Amino acid sequence: MKKKVVICGSMRFVDQMKEWQQKFESDGYEVYVPTLFDFHKVRDEYGNLEKFEEIKRRETKKHLKRLDLQVLY
């Protein structure tokens, strides 16, 4: 059975999460990461706080559901 790693963090650290994902995968780990795009840009560059909150909630729920279904069982 492959060892599993879960990466969670602020989307401000997308680049670092991608780096760690690659490192763990190259060592043979099964890696679970959130959708890796910086949706803070929606808020910071476009000023759309409502859309930012919507994306953040949706992506967080999706990641947690994937963990519940894949990692814990």
Protein backbone atom coordinates (compact mmCIF):
# COMPACT_ATOMS: atom_id res chain seq x y z
CA MET A 1 0.00 0.00 0.00
CA LYS A 2 1.28 3.44 -0.96
CA LYS A 3 1.84 5.96 1.80
CA LYS A 4 -0.45 8.95 1.54
CA VAL A 5 0.23 12.63 2.16
CA VAL A 6 -2.32 15.42 2.47
CA ILE A 7 -1.25 18.97 1.70
CA CYS A 8 -3.40 21.79 3.05
CA GLY A 9 -2.65 25.47 3.24
CA SER A 10 -3.42 28.96 2.14
CA MET A 11 -3.68 29.40 -1.61
CA ARG A 12 -1.08 32.13 -1.23
CA PHE A 13 1.36 29.23 -1.08
CA VAL A 14 0.25 27.49 -4.29
CA ASP A 15 3.76 27.37 -5.73
CA GLN A 16 5.19 25.81 -2.57
CA MET A 17 2.37 23.25 -2.41
CA LYS A 18 3.09 22.26 -6.02
CA GLU A 19 6.78 21.84 -5.19
CA TRP A 20 6.02 19.61 -2.21
CA GLN A 21 3.50 17.64 -4.25
CA GLN A 22 6.17 16.88 -6.85
CA LYS A 23 8.74 15.96 -4.19
CA PHE A 24 6.40 13.56 -2.42
CA GLU A 25 5.17 12.00 -5.68
CA SER A 26 8.74 11.45 -6.86
CA ASP A 27 9.34 9.58 -3.58
CA GLY A 28 6.37 7.32 -4.32
CA TYR A 29 3.71 8.91 -2.12
CA GLU A 30 0.08 9.32 -3.09
CA VAL A 31 -0.52 13.05 -2.63
CA TYR A 32 -3.82 14.81 -2.02
CA VAL A 33 -3.84 18.55 -2.62
CA PRO A 34 -6.56 21.17 -2.93
CA THR A 35 -7.29 22.67 -6.32
CA LEU A 36 -3.99 24.48 -6.86
CA PHE A 37 -4.80 27.87 -8.25
CA ASP A 38 -4.53 31.15 -6.37
CA PHE A 39 -8.13 32.27 -6.17
CA HIS A 40 -7.02 35.21 -4.00
CA LYS A 41 -6.49 36.99 -7.32
CA VAL A 42 -10.26 37.13 -7.73
CA ARG A 43 -10.37 39.24 -4.58
CA ASP A 44 -7.08 41.12 -4.80
CA GLU A 45 -6.88 41.92 -8.51
CA TYR A 46 -10.54 42.07 -9.46
CA GLY A 47 -12.01 43.27 -6.16
CA ASN A 48 -14.71 40.59 -6.16
CA LEU A 49 -14.96 39.53 -2.51
CA GLU A 50 -18.26 37.71 -3.01
CA LYS A 51 -16.88 35.51 -5.81
CA PHE A 52 -13.69 34.90 -3.77
CA GLU A 53 -15.71 33.65 -0.78
CA GLU A 54 -17.83 31.45 -3.05
CA ILE A 55 -14.77 29.84 -4.65
CA LYS A 56 -13.02 29.43 -1.31
CA ARG A 57 -16.01 27.65 0.26
CA ARG A 58 -16.54 25.42 -2.78
CA GLU A 59 -12.90 24.40 -3.11
CA THR A 60 -12.47 23.80 0.62
CA LYS A 61 -15.54 21.55 0.70
CA LYS A 62 -14.34 19.68 -2.38
CA HIS A 63 -10.90 19.04 -0.86
CA LEU A 64 -12.32 17.88 2.47
CA LYS A 65 -14.83 15.59 0.75
CA ARG A 66 -12.06 14.07 -1.37
CA LEU A 67 -10.05 13.46 1.81
CA ASP A 68 -12.99 11.88 3.53
CA LEU A 69 -13.66 9.57 0.60
CA GLN A 70 -10.08 8.70 -0.36
CA VAL A 71 -7.75 9.04 2.56
CA LEU A 72 -9.70 8.07 5.62
CA TYR A 73 -11.16 4.85 4.26
